[in-house]
Amino acid sequence: MSPAITHFQLAAGEASEHRPLIISLFAVFVVATLVITVWAGRQTKDAADFYAGGRQFSAFQNGLAVSGDYMSAASFLGIAGAIALFGYDGFLYSIGFLVAWLVALLLVAEPLRNSGRYTMGDVLAYRMRQRPVRTAAGTSTIVVSIFYLLAQMAGAGVLVSLLLGITSDAGKIGIVALVGILMIVYVTIGGMKGTTWVQMVKAVLLIGGTLLITFLVLLKFNFNVSDLLGEAAKNSGGGSAFLEPGLKYGLTTTSKIDFISLGIALVLGTAGLPHILIRFYTVPNAKAARKSVNWAIGIIGGFYLMTIALGFGAAALISKAEIVESNPAGNTAAPLLALHLGGVDSAWGAILLATISAVAFATILAVVAGLTLASSSSFAHDIYANVIRKGKATEKEEVNAARYATVAIGIVSIALGAMARDLNVAGLVALAFAVAASANLPTILYSLFWKRFTTQGALWSIYGGLVTAVGLVLFSPVVSGKATSMFPDVDFHWFPLENPGIISIPVGFLLGWIGTLVSKEEPDTGKYAELEVRSLTGTGAH
């Protein structure tokens, strides 16, 4: 029996010995968050409460919730795994996710808060034809959210499977379904108020858990980061190459282009993510929106610095073979690190494993709730209320439509998440970033800053960017052709890159520009002037 299998079985064995403790920790969190959700649901009286939490959250509270929304399973599980397996190249995810916040802060946060009410579609429809633009915005929001949900579902399946020693595919699919059901409950009952409070609690837990692991890793190496990195390089089998660029993205020309594509997608994607954009509507004014992003940058920045300890700590203390045996994409590196820090054959190790895994599970539940709320809100507000009912739906009907949409989106996410359970969650989230940056970001920026932009330009940009990004992903190695693909046994890929951003993002911007130039529609310059004043000053903002 290989050491990898022995250690993995030890991990599962320790988990099974202390299963009552693990289940108790999970149950405590789930019950606590359900109590918060029910309490918040009782405070939800109208559409503004359901979609935007009544715009009652302070800048710090919203900054904490934004952090909770952003620091997903990709951050905690995926990045730690990517660093543990690929060293320097894995840490590039942390850098990209953090730098992306500057784009969101400088270009989008304040103008968006001033210009809309509940969704991205509000901003686009302000100066364009309502029905086609809202339909496009709603469609894009749902597609991006489902891509992001895939990553969270995959992370949940891997995590709970490790803890409970579940190895069967049916068991893992059952776990994904459980997460989906909890997510549906959070959103349908609690709306934005419940989701925001859950995200705040989860952000505090995640930062606390990450601080604990970082402290224990550094303690192990007498707070000498150089020793930590040296041991990680030695134990990884990659030597000095582990600490240098190129282990994952520098071997071939294709992988170098893939790295550039990934970087573009990460940096530009945040400003187009629906579940992040709707967070700016939960504060009372633009000043609070700006402050909440500042808080988020501080919290998120601290967290991503600590991913150095998570990822390189796992590489230093656990063999690469053991990490891959546990999960081929490295998603269990952080929980396994917790187990090793406490001692593989000790109760303390099992307690640490259970605690960190419960925090990671909390992370997943909070993020899937935020994503589902964004997509169901967009369907109800943009497509149902303004397209299907032509603005004649009551607030109660609109909120009910959002709840029905939550159930439908949850079912789709469960089905797709079950298929994506063996893919690296950071890589999956990077795909969502690429789709958001291709379809949403060009349209938002053109709407806010280009006077001539027309409805046709918006439609070409959204649908063109969306179809290009999703189409390239379907025919990429992410879906087929590799051992780590979604369908490893078939090969119909022809697009060589794992991230489509380098092509699909320029296509989104280019199609928006061409669509506007060839459009016969005269732009409403009066409406643009109103939008410009509103986006810059907040005059007339809800």
Protein backbone atom coordinates (compact mmCIF):
# COMPACT_ATOMS: atom_id res chain seq x y z
CA MET A 1 0.00 0.00 0.00
CA SER A 2 1.42 3.40 -0.95
CA PRO A 3 2.12 6.06 1.73
CA ALA A 4 -0.41 8.30 0.00
CA ILE A 5 -3.20 5.78 0.41
CA THR A 6 -2.14 4.99 3.98
CA HIS A 7 -2.24 8.66 4.99
CA PHE A 8 -5.49 9.27 3.21
CA GLN A 9 -7.11 6.31 4.94
CA LEU A 10 -5.69 7.55 8.24
CA ALA A 11 -7.34 10.90 7.59
CA ALA A 12 -10.66 9.24 6.81
CA GLY A 13 -10.22 6.90 9.78
CA GLU A 14 -9.59 9.75 12.18
CA ALA A 15 -12.61 11.51 10.79
CA SER A 16 -14.77 8.41 11.30
CA GLU A 17 -13.54 7.90 14.90
CA HIS A 18 -14.60 11.43 15.75
CA ARG A 19 -17.65 11.50 13.51
CA PRO A 20 -20.03 12.59 16.31
CA LEU A 21 -17.82 15.67 16.90
CA ILE A 22 -17.67 16.46 13.18
CA ILE A 23 -21.41 16.08 12.68
CA SER A 24 -22.03 18.19 15.79
CA LEU A 25 -19.86 21.04 14.48
CA PHE A 26 -21.61 20.96 11.14
CA ALA A 27 -25.02 20.79 12.81
CA VAL A 28 -24.22 23.75 15.09
CA PHE A 29 -23.32 25.92 12.13
CA VAL A 30 -26.27 24.85 9.99
CA VAL A 31 -28.76 25.34 12.86
CA ALA A 32 -27.24 28.72 13.80
CA THR A 33 -27.43 29.99 10.24
CA LEU A 34 -30.96 28.68 9.81
CA VAL A 35 -31.99 30.57 12.98
CA ILE A 36 -30.42 33.76 11.53
CA THR A 37 -32.22 33.13 8.23
CA VAL A 38 -35.63 32.64 9.85
CA TRP A 39 -35.12 35.76 11.99
CA ALA A 40 -34.14 37.79 8.91
CA GLY A 41 -37.05 36.33 6.95
CA ARG A 42 -39.45 37.79 9.51
CA GLN A 43 -37.88 41.23 8.94
CA THR A 44 -38.33 40.92 5.16
CA LYS A 45 -41.49 42.86 4.37
CA ASP A 46 -41.07 44.10 0.77
CA ALA A 47 -38.94 43.80 -2.37
CA ALA A 48 -36.31 46.26 -1.07
CA ASP A 49 -35.83 44.01 1.98
CA PHE A 50 -35.64 40.81 -0.10
CA TYR A 51 -33.28 42.18 -2.79
CA ALA A 52 -31.21 44.77 -0.91
CA GLY A 53 -31.68 44.06 2.81
CA GLY A 54 -33.67 47.31 3.15
CA ARG A 55 -30.41 49.22 2.40
CA GLN A 56 -29.79 49.24 6.16
CA PHE A 57 -26.31 47.72 6.42
CA SER A 58 -23.36 49.86 7.47
CA ALA A 59 -20.16 50.14 5.40
CA PHE A 60 -18.30 47.78 7.77
CA GLN A 61 -21.13 45.25 7.83
CA ASN A 62 -21.37 45.29 4.05
CA GLY A 63 -17.57 45.11 3.71
CA LEU A 64 -17.60 42.02 5.91
CA ALA A 65 -20.45 40.51 3.88
CA VAL A 66 -18.70 41.33 0.58
CA SER A 67 -15.61 39.57 1.95
CA GLY A 68 -17.78 36.62 2.90
CA ASP A 69 -19.25 36.56 -0.60
CA TYR A 70 -15.84 36.82 -2.27
CA MET A 71 -13.74 34.46 -0.12
CA SER A 72 -15.36 31.35 -1.48
CA ALA A 73 -14.45 27.67 -1.65
CA ALA A 74 -12.10 28.73 -4.45
CA SER A 75 -10.16 30.92 -2.04
CA PHE A 76 -10.00 28.55 0.89
CA LEU A 77 -9.82 25.14 -0.79
CA GLY A 78 -8.86 25.78 -4.41
CA ILE A 79 -6.01 28.26 -3.92
CA ALA A 80 -4.48 26.26 -1.07
CA GLY A 81 -4.56 23.19 -3.33
CA ALA A 82 -3.16 25.06 -6.34
CA ILE A 83 -0.24 26.40 -4.27
CA ALA A 84 0.40 23.00 -2.67
CA LEU A 85 0.65 21.37 -6.11
CA PHE A 86 2.16 24.16 -8.25
CA GLY A 87 3.88 26.54 -5.83
CA TYR A 88 4.42 30.03 -7.22
CA ASP A 89 2.00 29.49 -10.12
CA GLY A 90 -0.77 28.53 -7.68
CA PHE A 91 -0.24 31.74 -5.68
CA LEU A 92 -1.05 33.73 -8.84
CA TYR A 93 -4.75 33.05 -8.10
CA SER A 94 -4.42 34.96 -4.82
CA ILE A 95 -2.75 37.91 -6.54
CA GLY A 96 -5.34 38.01 -9.34
CA PHE A 97 -8.34 37.82 -7.00
CA LEU A 98 -6.96 40.67 -4.85
CA VAL A 99 -5.89 43.02 -7.66
CA ALA A 100 -9.36 42.59 -9.20
CA TRP A 101 -10.81 44.56 -6.30
CA LEU A 102 -9.04 47.72 -7.46
CA VAL A 103 -10.92 47.52 -10.77
CA ALA A 104 -14.21 47.06 -8.91
CA LEU A 105 -13.46 49.99 -6.58
CA LEU A 106 -12.21 52.45 -9.20
CA LEU A 107 -14.64 51.75 -12.04
CA VAL A 108 -17.83 50.13 -10.82
CA ALA A 109 -18.75 50.24 -7.11
CA GLU A 110 -19.90 53.83 -6.65
CA PRO A 111 -21.46 54.54 -10.10
CA LEU A 112 -23.38 51.25 -9.94
CA ARG A 113 -24.74 51.96 -6.45
CA ASN A 114 -25.91 55.40 -7.61
CA SER A 115 -27.49 54.20 -10.85
CA GLY A 116 -29.50 51.08 -10.04
CA ARG A 117 -31.97 49.64 -7.58
CA TYR A 118 -31.56 45.88 -7.29
CA THR A 119 -29.73 44.37 -10.28
CA MET A 120 -27.22 45.03 -13.05
CA GLY A 121 -30.16 45.17 -15.48
CA ASP A 122 -31.41 48.36 -13.77
CA VAL A 123 -28.29 50.24 -14.86
CA LEU A 124 -28.37 48.97 -18.44
CA ALA A 125 -32.10 49.55 -18.89
CA TYR A 126 -31.95 53.15 -17.62
CA ARG A 127 -30.98 54.58 -21.00
CA MET A 128 -31.91 51.70 -23.35
CA ARG A 129 -34.89 49.63 -24.44
CA GLN A 130 -36.05 47.84 -21.32
CA ARG A 131 -37.21 44.41 -22.43
CA PRO A 132 -34.34 43.16 -24.64
CA VAL A 133 -31.63 44.57 -22.37
CA ARG A 134 -33.17 43.20 -19.18
CA THR A 135 -33.60 39.77 -20.81
CA ALA A 136 -29.93 39.76 -21.81
CA ALA A 137 -28.76 40.96 -18.38
CA GLY A 138 -30.90 38.35 -16.61
CA THR A 139 -29.64 35.55 -18.85
CA SER A 140 -26.01 36.56 -18.35
CA THR A 141 -26.42 36.84 -14.57
CA ILE A 142 -27.92 33.35 -14.32
CA VAL A 143 -25.19 31.76 -16.50
CA VAL A 144 -22.32 33.43 -14.58
CA SER A 145 -23.89 32.49 -11.23
CA ILE A 146 -24.30 28.85 -12.27
CA PHE A 147 -20.62 28.66 -13.34
CA TYR A 148 -19.64 30.04 -9.93
CA LEU A 149 -22.06 27.70 -8.15
CA LEU A 150 -20.38 24.72 -9.83
CA ALA A 151 -17.16 25.50 -7.97
CA GLN A 152 -18.89 25.76 -4.59
CA MET A 153 -20.82 22.52 -5.11
CA ALA A 154 -17.64 20.70 -6.17
CA GLY A 155 -15.88 21.99 -3.05
CA ALA A 156 -18.72 20.85 -0.80
CA GLY A 157 -18.73 17.35 -2.25
CA VAL A 158 -14.98 16.93 -1.80
CA LEU A 159 -14.91 18.38 1.70
CA VAL A 160 -17.70 16.40 3.32
CA SER A 161 -16.64 13.23 1.51
CA LEU A 162 -13.20 13.50 3.16
CA LEU A 163 -14.70 14.07 6.59
CA LEU A 164 -17.27 11.31 6.51
CA GLY A 165 -15.08 8.85 4.62
CA ILE A 166 -17.51 8.71 1.70
CA THR A 167 -15.87 7.31 -1.42
CA SER A 168 -18.87 6.34 -3.53
CA ASP A 169 -20.02 8.65 -6.30
CA ALA A 170 -23.62 8.35 -5.09
CA GLY A 171 -22.58 9.58 -1.64
CA LYS A 172 -20.72 12.57 -3.06
CA ILE A 173 -23.70 13.49 -5.26
CA GLY A 174 -25.92 13.26 -2.16
CA ILE A 175 -23.70 15.79 -0.38
CA VAL A 176 -23.92 18.19 -3.34
CA ALA A 177 -27.72 17.83 -3.21
CA LEU A 178 -27.74 18.59 0.53
CA VAL A 179 -25.81 21.83 -0.02
CA GLY A 180 -28.23 22.78 -2.78
CA ILE A 181 -31.26 22.22 -0.54
CA LEU A 182 -29.76 24.31 2.30
CA MET A 183 -28.95 27.07 -0.20
CA ILE A 184 -32.55 27.11 -1.44
CA VAL A 185 -33.83 27.37 2.15
CA TYR A 186 -31.50 30.29 2.99
CA VAL A 187 -32.54 32.37 0.01
CA THR A 188 -36.27 31.62 -0.11
CA ILE A 189 -36.75 32.34 3.60
CA GLY A 190 -34.12 34.98 4.41
CA GLY A 191 -33.62 36.95 1.20
CA MET A 192 -30.77 39.49 1.21
CA LYS A 193 -31.04 40.19 4.94
CA GLY A 194 -30.60 36.55 5.91
CA THR A 195 -27.89 35.97 3.30
CA THR A 196 -25.93 39.04 4.45
CA TRP A 197 -25.94 38.03 8.11
CA VAL A 198 -24.86 34.48 7.20
CA GLN A 199 -22.02 35.92 5.11
CA MET A 200 -20.86 38.16 7.95
CA VAL A 201 -20.77 35.23 10.40
CA LYS A 202 -18.98 33.10 7.82
CA ALA A 203 -16.36 35.81 7.09
CA VAL A 204 -15.47 36.04 10.80
CA LEU A 205 -15.24 32.22 11.05
CA LEU A 206 -13.10 31.96 7.90
CA ILE A 207 -10.66 34.67 8.95
CA GLY A 208 -10.44 33.13 12.43
CA GLY A 209 -9.84 29.61 11.06
CA THR A 210 -7.24 30.83 8.56
CA LEU A 211 -5.44 32.84 11.26
CA LEU A 212 -5.29 29.72 13.45
CA ILE A 213 -3.82 27.55 10.68
CA THR A 214 -1.36 30.30 9.66
CA PHE A 215 -0.19 30.67 13.26
CA LEU A 216 0.27 26.89 13.66
CA VAL A 217 2.17 26.58 10.35
CA LEU A 218 4.51 29.45 11.23
CA LEU A 219 4.95 28.05 14.76
CA LYS A 220 6.05 24.75 13.19
CA PHE A 221 8.84 26.63 11.38
CA ASN A 222 9.69 29.01 14.27
CA PHE A 223 8.07 31.89 12.35
CA ASN A 224 10.77 31.64 9.68
CA VAL A 225 9.03 32.02 6.30
CA SER A 226 12.27 31.17 4.47
CA ASP A 227 12.43 27.78 6.20
CA LEU A 228 8.77 27.17 5.35
CA LEU A 229 9.31 27.90 1.65
CA GLY A 230 12.52 25.86 1.58
CA GLU A 231 10.82 22.82 3.11
CA ALA A 232 7.86 23.21 0.75
CA ALA A 233 10.18 23.25 -2.28
CA LYS A 234 12.08 20.22 -1.00
CA ASN A 235 9.00 18.17 -0.04
CA SER A 236 7.14 18.97 -3.28
CA GLY A 237 9.75 17.18 -5.37
CA GLY A 238 10.05 20.25 -7.60
CA GLY A 239 13.04 21.82 -5.86
CA SER A 240 13.71 25.50 -6.56
CA ALA A 241 11.36 25.35 -9.57
CA PHE A 242 8.48 25.10 -7.07
CA LEU A 243 9.19 28.66 -5.92
CA GLU A 244 9.66 30.07 -9.41
CA PRO A 245 7.21 30.91 -12.21
CA GLY A 246 6.49 28.25 -14.79
CA LEU A 247 5.68 24.99 -12.99
CA LYS A 248 2.10 25.06 -14.29
CA TYR A 249 2.03 27.93 -16.76
CA GLY A 250 5.54 28.07 -18.25
CA LEU A 251 6.22 24.67 -19.77
CA THR A 252 4.78 25.37 -23.23
CA THR A 253 3.71 28.36 -25.28
CA THR A 254 0.08 27.26 -24.81
CA SER A 255 0.42 27.22 -21.02
CA LYS A 256 2.03 30.68 -21.05
CA ILE A 257 -0.90 32.05 -23.08
CA ASP A 258 -3.26 30.25 -20.68
CA PHE A 259 -1.60 32.10 -17.79
CA ILE A 260 -2.14 35.49 -19.49
CA SER A 261 -5.76 34.49 -20.17
CA LEU A 262 -6.26 33.51 -16.53
CA GLY A 263 -4.71 36.78 -15.30
CA ILE A 264 -6.97 38.91 -17.53
CA ALA A 265 -10.06 36.98 -16.41
CA LEU A 266 -9.24 37.27 -12.70
CA VAL A 267 -8.41 40.98 -12.78
CA LEU A 268 -11.42 42.04 -14.87
CA GLY A 269 -13.95 39.46 -13.69
CA THR A 270 -14.80 40.79 -10.21
CA ALA A 271 -16.29 44.02 -11.58
CA GLY A 272 -18.77 41.92 -13.59
CA LEU A 273 -19.77 39.33 -10.98
CA PRO A 274 -23.53 39.61 -10.29
CA HIS A 275 -23.42 38.47 -6.65
CA ILE A 276 -20.72 41.07 -5.89
CA LEU A 277 -22.50 43.85 -7.84
CA ILE A 278 -25.78 43.47 -5.92
CA ARG A 279 -23.86 43.89 -2.63
CA PHE A 280 -23.41 47.59 -3.44
CA TYR A 281 -27.20 48.08 -3.23
CA THR A 282 -27.45 46.99 0.42
CA VAL A 283 -25.91 50.20 1.82
CA PRO A 284 -27.75 53.51 2.25
CA ASN A 285 -25.59 55.67 -0.05
CA ALA A 286 -22.59 55.83 -2.41
CA LYS A 287 -20.18 56.88 0.33
CA ALA A 288 -21.03 53.73 2.28
CA ALA A 289 -20.58 51.66 -0.91
CA ARG A 290 -17.10 53.08 -1.38
CA LYS A 291 -16.19 52.52 2.29
CA SER A 292 -17.51 48.97 2.21
CA VAL A 293 -15.18 48.16 -0.70
CA ASN A 294 -12.26 49.64 1.30
CA TRP A 295 -13.14 47.38 4.24
CA ALA A 296 -13.45 44.40 1.89
CA ILE A 297 -10.02 45.08 0.34
CA GLY A 298 -8.41 45.12 3.81
CA ILE A 299 -10.10 41.91 4.96
CA ILE A 300 -9.61 40.07 1.65
CA GLY A 301 -6.00 41.28 1.34
CA GLY A 302 -5.14 39.89 4.76
CA PHE A 303 -6.79 36.59 3.91
CA TYR A 304 -4.94 36.16 0.61
CA LEU A 305 -1.60 36.84 2.31
CA MET A 306 -2.41 33.96 4.64
CA THR A 307 -2.97 31.61 1.68
CA ILE A 308 0.86 31.54 1.48
CA ALA A 309 0.88 29.68 4.81
CA LEU A 310 -2.04 27.44 3.79
CA GLY A 311 -0.64 26.38 0.42
CA PHE A 312 3.10 26.26 1.13
CA GLY A 313 2.39 24.78 4.57
CA ALA A 314 0.50 21.91 2.92
CA ALA A 315 3.36 21.43 0.44
CA ALA A 316 5.91 21.38 3.29
CA LEU A 317 4.09 19.02 5.63
CA ILE A 318 2.16 16.69 3.30
CA SER A 319 3.47 14.72 0.33
CA LYS A 320 2.20 15.66 -3.11
CA ALA A 321 1.08 12.06 -3.66
CA GLU A 322 -1.11 12.18 -0.55
CA ILE A 323 -2.78 15.44 -1.61
CA VAL A 324 -3.49 14.11 -5.11
CA GLU A 325 -4.74 10.78 -3.72
CA SER A 326 -7.20 12.64 -1.53
CA ASN A 327 -8.38 14.83 -4.43
CA PRO A 328 -6.68 15.03 -7.87
CA ALA A 329 -7.20 18.82 -8.05
CA GLY A 330 -5.78 19.46 -4.56
CA ASN A 331 -9.04 20.75 -3.08
CA THR A 332 -8.50 18.95 0.27
CA ALA A 333 -5.00 20.38 0.93
CA ALA A 334 -6.23 22.87 3.59
CA PRO A 335 -8.27 20.33 5.65
CA LEU A 336 -5.44 17.77 5.39
CA LEU A 337 -3.00 20.46 6.58
CA ALA A 338 -5.20 21.02 9.64
CA LEU A 339 -5.15 17.27 10.34
CA HIS A 340 -1.34 17.08 10.06
CA LEU A 341 -0.80 20.17 12.22
CA GLY A 342 -2.83 18.59 15.00
CA GLY A 343 -1.38 15.13 14.50
CA VAL A 344 -2.72 12.50 12.10
CA ASP A 345 -3.30 9.93 14.85
CA SER A 346 -4.49 12.31 17.57
CA ALA A 347 -7.82 13.62 18.78
CA TRP A 348 -6.47 17.18 18.44
CA GLY A 349 -5.82 16.50 14.73
CA ALA A 350 -9.37 15.28 14.24
CA ILE A 351 -10.77 18.31 16.12
CA LEU A 352 -8.71 20.71 13.99
CA LEU A 353 -9.75 18.89 10.81
CA ALA A 354 -13.41 19.05 11.82
CA THR A 355 -13.22 22.74 12.79
CA ILE A 356 -11.49 23.87 9.59
CA SER A 357 -13.79 21.74 7.47
CA ALA A 358 -16.86 23.17 9.21
CA VAL A 359 -15.51 26.67 8.45
CA ALA A 360 -14.98 25.70 4.81
CA PHE A 361 -18.50 24.26 4.67
CA ALA A 362 -19.81 27.52 6.16
CA THR A 363 -17.92 29.34 3.41
CA ILE A 364 -19.60 27.27 0.72
CA LEU A 365 -23.11 27.66 2.14
CA ALA A 366 -22.80 31.44 2.45
CA VAL A 367 -21.42 31.92 -1.05
CA VAL A 368 -23.97 29.67 -2.76
CA ALA A 369 -26.73 31.61 -0.99
CA GLY A 370 -25.34 34.90 -2.34
CA LEU A 371 -24.98 33.53 -5.86
CA THR A 372 -28.46 32.05 -5.89
CA LEU A 373 -29.93 35.30 -4.60
CA ALA A 374 -28.20 37.25 -7.39
CA SER A 375 -29.48 34.99 -10.14
CA SER A 376 -33.02 34.56 -8.77
CA SER A 377 -33.28 38.33 -8.16
CA SER A 378 -32.23 39.04 -11.72
CA PHE A 379 -34.77 36.56 -13.08
CA ALA A 380 -37.60 37.96 -10.95
CA HIS A 381 -36.79 41.66 -11.29
CA ASP A 382 -35.44 41.82 -14.84
CA ILE A 383 -37.13 38.98 -16.73
CA TYR A 384 -40.37 38.25 -14.84
CA ALA A 385 -41.41 41.71 -13.60
CA ASN A 386 -40.15 43.89 -16.46
CA VAL A 387 -40.22 41.58 -19.49
CA ILE A 388 -42.93 38.96 -18.91
CA ARG A 389 -45.27 41.16 -16.81
CA LYS A 390 -44.15 44.43 -18.51
CA GLY A 391 -43.74 46.25 -15.21
CA LYS A 392 -47.22 45.34 -13.92
CA ALA A 393 -46.17 42.74 -11.32
CA THR A 394 -46.75 43.57 -7.66
CA GLU A 395 -43.83 43.44 -5.23
CA LYS A 396 -45.27 40.28 -3.66
CA GLU A 397 -45.53 38.55 -7.07
CA GLU A 398 -41.95 39.59 -7.88
CA VAL A 399 -40.56 38.21 -4.63
CA ASN A 400 -42.51 34.97 -5.10
CA ALA A 401 -41.06 34.65 -8.62
CA ALA A 402 -37.58 35.05 -7.12
CA ARG A 403 -38.31 32.23 -4.67
CA TYR A 404 -39.51 29.89 -7.44
CA ALA A 405 -36.43 30.80 -9.50
CA THR A 406 -34.23 29.94 -6.50
CA VAL A 407 -35.59 26.39 -6.49
CA ALA A 408 -35.05 25.97 -10.25
CA ILE A 409 -31.49 27.38 -10.15
CA GLY A 410 -30.72 25.19 -7.13
CA ILE A 411 -31.78 22.04 -9.01
CA VAL A 412 -29.65 22.94 -12.06
CA SER A 413 -26.65 23.70 -9.82
CA ILE A 414 -26.99 20.37 -8.01
CA ALA A 415 -27.00 18.48 -11.32
CA LEU A 416 -23.98 20.31 -12.76
CA GLY A 417 -22.08 20.38 -9.44
CA ALA A 418 -22.32 16.59 -9.23
CA MET A 419 -20.50 16.34 -12.59
CA ALA A 420 -17.79 18.86 -11.64
CA ARG A 421 -16.86 17.33 -8.28
CA ASP A 422 -13.28 16.36 -9.29
CA LEU A 423 -12.24 19.70 -10.82
CA ASN A 424 -10.12 22.31 -8.98
CA VAL A 425 -12.54 24.83 -7.52
CA ALA A 426 -10.21 27.80 -8.09
CA GLY A 427 -10.04 26.90 -11.79
CA LEU A 428 -13.84 26.65 -11.97
CA VAL A 429 -14.27 30.06 -10.36
CA ALA A 430 -11.75 31.51 -12.83
CA LEU A 431 -14.12 30.37 -15.60
CA ALA A 432 -16.98 32.28 -13.95
CA PHE A 433 -14.72 35.34 -13.81
CA ALA A 434 -13.96 34.96 -17.54
CA VAL A 435 -17.66 34.73 -18.43
CA ALA A 436 -18.50 37.75 -16.23
CA ALA A 437 -15.66 39.82 -17.71
CA SER A 438 -16.72 38.85 -21.27
CA ALA A 439 -20.47 39.45 -21.02
CA ASN A 440 -21.14 41.86 -18.14
CA LEU A 441 -18.14 44.14 -17.73
CA PRO A 442 -18.02 45.59 -21.30
CA THR A 443 -21.73 46.44 -21.16
CA ILE A 444 -21.52 48.02 -17.70
CA LEU A 445 -18.52 50.19 -18.63
CA TYR A 446 -19.97 51.24 -22.00
CA SER A 447 -23.31 52.10 -20.34
CA LEU A 448 -21.69 54.22 -17.66
CA PHE A 449 -19.01 55.95 -19.72
CA TRP A 450 -19.90 55.94 -23.46
CA LYS A 451 -22.54 58.43 -24.62
CA ARG A 452 -23.13 56.75 -28.02
CA PHE A 453 -23.72 53.24 -26.64
CA THR A 454 -27.00 51.75 -27.89
CA THR A 455 -29.33 48.86 -27.11
CA GLN A 456 -27.95 46.87 -30.04
CA GLY A 457 -24.41 47.38 -28.76
CA ALA A 458 -25.47 46.11 -25.33
CA LEU A 459 -27.14 43.01 -26.77
CA TRP A 460 -24.20 42.18 -29.04
CA SER A 461 -21.79 42.67 -26.15
CA ILE A 462 -23.70 40.54 -23.62
CA TYR A 463 -24.76 37.69 -25.91
CA GLY A 464 -21.53 37.75 -27.93
CA GLY A 465 -19.28 37.68 -24.88
CA LEU A 466 -21.47 35.05 -23.20
CA VAL A 467 -21.66 32.68 -26.19
CA THR A 468 -17.94 33.05 -26.96
CA ALA A 469 -16.84 32.41 -23.36
CA VAL A 470 -19.19 29.49 -22.69
CA GLY A 471 -18.60 27.98 -26.15
CA LEU A 472 -14.82 28.01 -25.73
CA VAL A 473 -15.12 26.45 -22.26
CA LEU A 474 -17.29 23.61 -23.63
CA PHE A 475 -14.62 22.74 -26.18
CA SER A 476 -11.66 23.23 -23.81
CA PRO A 477 -9.64 20.73 -21.74
CA VAL A 478 -11.78 21.69 -18.73
CA VAL A 479 -14.68 19.65 -20.14
CA SER A 480 -12.95 16.83 -22.05
CA GLY A 481 -9.62 15.40 -23.18
CA LYS A 482 -7.65 15.21 -19.91
CA ALA A 483 -7.59 13.03 -16.80
CA THR A 484 -8.69 16.07 -14.77
CA SER A 485 -11.53 17.08 -17.16
CA MET A 486 -15.24 17.02 -16.31
CA PHE A 487 -15.60 14.12 -18.81
CA PRO A 488 -12.16 12.44 -18.76
CA ASP A 489 -13.17 9.43 -20.87
CA VAL A 490 -14.07 11.40 -24.01
CA ASP A 491 -12.23 14.01 -26.03
CA PHE A 492 -14.03 16.60 -28.15
CA HIS A 493 -11.90 19.60 -27.20
CA TRP A 494 -10.27 21.73 -29.90
CA PHE A 495 -9.66 24.95 -27.93
CA PRO A 496 -6.27 24.47 -26.20
CA LEU A 497 -6.63 26.93 -23.28
CA GLU A 498 -8.31 26.18 -19.96
CA ASN A 499 -9.47 29.78 -19.57
CA PRO A 500 -11.10 31.61 -22.52
CA GLY A 501 -10.59 35.17 -21.19
CA ILE A 502 -7.84 36.21 -23.61
CA ILE A 503 -10.26 35.76 -26.54
CA SER A 504 -13.78 36.12 -25.09
CA ILE A 505 -13.17 39.38 -23.14
CA PRO A 506 -11.87 41.35 -26.18
CA VAL A 507 -14.75 39.84 -28.21
CA GLY A 508 -17.27 41.20 -25.67
CA PHE A 509 -15.79 44.72 -25.86
CA LEU A 510 -15.38 44.59 -29.66
CA LEU A 511 -18.94 43.40 -30.34
CA GLY A 512 -20.36 46.13 -28.08
CA TRP A 513 -18.42 48.72 -30.06
CA ILE A 514 -19.31 47.29 -33.52
CA GLY A 515 -22.96 46.75 -32.54
CA THR A 516 -23.21 50.41 -31.55
CA LEU A 517 -21.50 51.70 -34.70
CA VAL A 518 -23.75 49.72 -37.09
CA SER A 519 -26.92 50.43 -35.10
CA LYS A 520 -29.50 52.72 -36.71
CA GLU A 521 -30.82 53.62 -33.27
CA GLU A 522 -30.11 57.16 -32.07
CA PRO A 523 -28.67 57.09 -28.53
CA ASP A 524 -30.72 58.94 -25.92
CA THR A 525 -28.14 61.60 -24.96
CA GLY A 526 -30.56 63.17 -22.49
CA LYS A 527 -30.88 59.91 -20.59
CA TYR A 528 -27.11 59.46 -20.70
CA ALA A 529 -26.62 62.92 -19.18
CA GLU A 530 -29.07 62.00 -16.40
CA LEU A 531 -27.27 58.69 -15.81
CA GLU A 532 -23.88 60.43 -15.75
CA VAL A 533 -25.01 62.95 -13.13
CA ARG A 534 -26.69 60.23 -11.12
CA SER A 535 -23.73 57.82 -11.26
CA LEU A 536 -21.23 60.52 -10.21
CA THR A 537 -23.27 62.35 -7.57
CA GLY A 538 -25.92 59.91 -6.33
CA THR A 539 -28.69 62.40 -7.10
CA GLY A 540 -31.97 60.51 -7.43
CA ALA A 541 -30.44 57.19 -6.32
CA HIS A 542 -32.76 54.85 -4.44
